[in-house]
Amino acid sequence: MKRSYFGVISLCAILFMDIVFMQLLVHQYFHQNYKIVLLFMFCNIILFPIALYIYKQEINKGGQSHEKK
């Protein structure tokens, strides 16, 4: 399967941002800044479906897929 560099790099960047937001969320929760916790949680909720969409697009670009269509 051939992958595009843009798709793989953007997927890695979004998943990295998910990890960073989760770390910030836990840190702010520990310090009881609940408004900021809700902001980071919202960012995680928005970024994860975007990552799934990019993943589905990359899977469909290849010739043979490991998933059944």
N, C-alpha and C. Protein backbone atom coordinates (compact mmCIF):
# COMPACT_ATOMS: atom_id res chain seq x y z
N MET A 1 0.84 -1.18 0.00
CA MET A 1 0.00 0.00 0.00
C MET A 1 0.88 1.24 0.00
N LYS A 2 0.51 2.14 -0.83
CA LYS A 2 1.27 3.38 -0.91
C LYS A 2 0.57 4.45 -0.09
N ARG A 3 1.31 5.11 0.75
CA ARG A 3 0.77 6.16 1.60
C ARG A 3 1.35 7.50 1.16
N SER A 4 0.57 8.55 1.38
CA SER A 4 1.08 9.89 1.08
C SER A 4 1.81 10.42 2.31
N TYR A 5 2.85 11.17 2.06
CA TYR A 5 3.60 11.75 3.18
C TYR A 5 2.74 12.73 3.95
N PHE A 6 1.92 13.50 3.24
CA PHE A 6 1.07 14.49 3.91
C PHE A 6 0.10 13.81 4.87
N GLY A 7 -0.51 12.72 4.47
CA GLY A 7 -1.47 12.01 5.32
C GLY A 7 -0.82 11.43 6.56
N VAL A 8 0.33 10.82 6.39
CA VAL A 8 1.01 10.20 7.53
C VAL A 8 1.52 11.26 8.50
N ILE A 9 2.11 12.32 7.97
CA ILE A 9 2.64 13.38 8.83
C ILE A 9 1.51 14.10 9.55
N SER A 10 0.42 14.37 8.86
CA SER A 10 -0.70 15.05 9.52
C SER A 10 -1.34 14.16 10.57
N LEU A 11 -1.43 12.86 10.32
CA LEU A 11 -1.97 11.94 11.31
C LEU A 11 -1.06 11.89 12.54
N CYS A 12 0.23 11.85 12.33
CA CYS A 12 1.17 11.86 13.46
C CYS A 12 1.07 13.17 14.25
N ALA A 13 0.94 14.29 13.56
CA ALA A 13 0.85 15.58 14.24
C ALA A 13 -0.43 15.69 15.07
N ILE A 14 -1.54 15.21 14.53
CA ILE A 14 -2.80 15.28 15.27
C ILE A 14 -2.76 14.36 16.48
N LEU A 15 -2.24 13.16 16.33
CA LEU A 15 -2.15 12.25 17.47
C LEU A 15 -1.16 12.77 18.52
N PHE A 16 -0.10 13.44 18.08
CA PHE A 16 0.82 14.06 19.03
C PHE A 16 0.13 15.17 19.81
N MET A 17 -0.69 15.98 19.11
CA MET A 17 -1.43 17.03 19.80
C MET A 17 -2.43 16.44 20.79
N ASP A 18 -3.02 15.28 20.45
CA ASP A 18 -3.91 14.60 21.40
C ASP A 18 -3.16 14.24 22.68
N ILE A 19 -1.96 13.73 22.54
CA ILE A 19 -1.16 13.35 23.71
C ILE A 19 -0.81 14.59 24.54
N VAL A 20 -0.41 15.66 23.87
CA VAL A 20 -0.05 16.89 24.58
C VAL A 20 -1.25 17.46 25.32
N PHE A 21 -2.40 17.52 24.66
CA PHE A 21 -3.60 18.04 25.32
C PHE A 21 -4.00 17.17 26.50
N MET A 22 -3.82 15.85 26.39
CA MET A 22 -4.16 14.98 27.51
C MET A 22 -3.23 15.22 28.70
N GLN A 23 -1.95 15.42 28.43
CA GLN A 23 -1.01 15.72 29.51
C GLN A 23 -1.36 17.05 30.18
N LEU A 24 -1.68 18.05 29.38
CA LEU A 24 -2.07 19.35 29.94
C LEU A 24 -3.37 19.24 30.73
N LEU A 25 -4.29 18.42 30.24
CA LEU A 25 -5.56 18.22 30.94
C LEU A 25 -5.33 17.62 32.32
N VAL A 26 -4.51 16.60 32.39
CA VAL A 26 -4.23 15.96 33.68
C VAL A 26 -3.52 16.93 34.61
N HIS A 27 -2.59 17.70 34.09
CA HIS A 27 -1.86 18.67 34.91
C HIS A 27 -2.81 19.73 35.47
N GLN A 28 -3.69 20.25 34.63
CA GLN A 28 -4.61 21.28 35.10
C GLN A 28 -5.67 20.71 36.04
N TYR A 29 -6.06 19.46 35.83
CA TYR A 29 -7.00 18.83 36.74
C TYR A 29 -6.38 18.69 38.14
N PHE A 30 -5.11 18.37 38.17
CA PHE A 30 -4.41 18.25 39.45
C PHE A 30 -4.40 19.58 40.19
N HIS A 31 -4.29 20.69 39.43
CA HIS A 31 -4.28 22.02 40.04
C HIS A 31 -5.67 22.64 40.16
N GLN A 32 -6.70 21.87 39.86
CA GLN A 32 -8.11 22.25 40.01
C GLN A 32 -8.50 23.47 39.18
N ASN A 33 -7.97 23.56 37.98
CA ASN A 33 -8.39 24.59 37.01
C ASN A 33 -9.39 23.94 36.05
N TYR A 34 -10.63 23.83 36.48
CA TYR A 34 -11.60 23.01 35.76
C TYR A 34 -12.06 23.63 34.44
N LYS A 35 -12.04 24.94 34.32
CA LYS A 35 -12.42 25.56 33.04
C LYS A 35 -11.40 25.22 31.96
N ILE A 36 -10.14 25.22 32.32
CA ILE A 36 -9.08 24.87 31.36
C ILE A 36 -9.14 23.37 31.05
N VAL A 37 -9.50 22.57 32.04
CA VAL A 37 -9.66 21.13 31.81
C VAL A 37 -10.73 20.88 30.76
N LEU A 38 -11.84 21.60 30.85
CA LEU A 38 -12.91 21.45 29.86
C LEU A 38 -12.45 21.88 28.47
N LEU A 39 -11.62 22.91 28.40
CA LEU A 39 -11.10 23.35 27.12
C LEU A 39 -10.21 22.29 26.48
N PHE A 40 -9.29 21.71 27.26
CA PHE A 40 -8.42 20.66 26.72
C PHE A 40 -9.20 19.40 26.37
N MET A 41 -10.25 19.09 27.15
CA MET A 41 -11.08 17.94 26.84
C MET A 41 -11.82 18.17 25.52
N PHE A 42 -12.32 19.38 25.31
CA PHE A 42 -12.98 19.70 24.05
C PHE A 42 -12.01 19.57 22.87
N CYS A 43 -10.78 20.01 23.05
CA CYS A 43 -9.77 19.87 21.98
C CYS A 43 -9.52 18.41 21.66
N ASN A 44 -9.43 17.56 22.68
CA ASN A 44 -9.24 16.13 22.44
C ASN A 44 -10.43 15.52 21.72
N ILE A 45 -11.63 15.93 22.10
CA ILE A 45 -12.84 15.39 21.46
C ILE A 45 -12.91 15.80 20.00
N ILE A 46 -12.44 16.98 19.67
CA ILE A 46 -12.46 17.45 18.29
C ILE A 46 -11.35 16.78 17.46
N LEU A 47 -10.16 16.62 18.03
CA LEU A 47 -9.04 16.10 17.25
C LEU A 47 -9.13 14.61 16.95
N PHE A 48 -9.71 13.83 17.84
CA PHE A 48 -9.73 12.38 17.61
C PHE A 48 -10.54 11.98 16.38
N PRO A 49 -11.75 12.52 16.15
CA PRO A 49 -12.45 12.16 14.90
C PRO A 49 -11.73 12.64 13.65
N ILE A 50 -11.01 13.75 13.75
CA ILE A 50 -10.22 14.21 12.60
C ILE A 50 -9.13 13.19 12.28
N ALA A 51 -8.50 12.65 13.31
CA ALA A 51 -7.48 11.62 13.11
C ALA A 51 -8.09 10.36 12.49
N LEU A 52 -9.26 9.97 12.94
CA LEU A 52 -9.93 8.81 12.35
C LEU A 52 -10.27 9.04 10.88
N TYR A 53 -10.71 10.26 10.55
CA TYR A 53 -11.02 10.59 9.16
C TYR A 53 -9.77 10.50 8.28
N ILE A 54 -8.67 11.04 8.75
CA ILE A 54 -7.42 10.97 7.97
C ILE A 54 -6.98 9.52 7.81
N TYR A 55 -7.12 8.73 8.87
CA TYR A 55 -6.76 7.32 8.80
C TYR A 55 -7.60 6.59 7.76
N LYS A 56 -8.90 6.83 7.75
CA LYS A 56 -9.78 6.17 6.76
C LYS A 56 -9.40 6.59 5.34
N GLN A 57 -9.05 7.86 5.17
CA GLN A 57 -8.65 8.33 3.84
C GLN A 57 -7.35 7.65 3.40
N GLU A 58 -6.42 7.46 4.30
CA GLU A 58 -5.16 6.80 3.97
C GLU A 58 -5.36 5.32 3.67
N ILE A 59 -6.26 4.68 4.39
CA ILE A 59 -6.54 3.26 4.12
C ILE A 59 -7.14 3.10 2.73
N ASN A 60 -8.05 4.00 2.35
CA ASN A 60 -8.72 3.88 1.06
C ASN A 60 -7.83 4.25 -0.12
N LYS A 61 -6.70 4.91 0.11
CA LYS A 61 -5.79 5.26 -0.98
C LYS A 61 -5.03 4.06 -1.51
N GLY A 62 -4.77 3.08 -0.65
CA GLY A 62 -3.98 1.93 -1.04
C GLY A 62 -4.78 0.96 -1.92
N GLY A 63 -4.06 0.06 -2.59
CA GLY A 63 -4.71 -0.92 -3.45
C GLY A 63 -5.36 -2.03 -2.66
N GLN A 64 -4.58 -2.77 -1.93
CA GLN A 64 -5.07 -3.86 -1.08
C GLN A 64 -5.17 -3.37 0.34
N SER A 65 -6.27 -3.62 0.99
CA SER A 65 -6.47 -3.17 2.35
C SER A 65 -6.64 -4.36 3.27
N HIS A 66 -6.23 -4.21 4.53
CA HIS A 66 -6.41 -5.28 5.49
C HIS A 66 -7.81 -5.28 6.07
N GLU A 67 -8.58 -4.22 5.82
CA GLU A 67 -9.95 -4.15 6.30
C GLU A 67 -10.92 -4.57 5.21
N LYS A 68 -11.98 -5.20 5.60
CA LYS A 68 -13.03 -5.58 4.63
C LYS A 68 -13.90 -4.36 4.35
N LYS A 69 -14.21 -4.17 3.09
CA LYS A 69 -15.07 -3.02 2.72
C LYS A 69 -16.49 -3.47 2.49
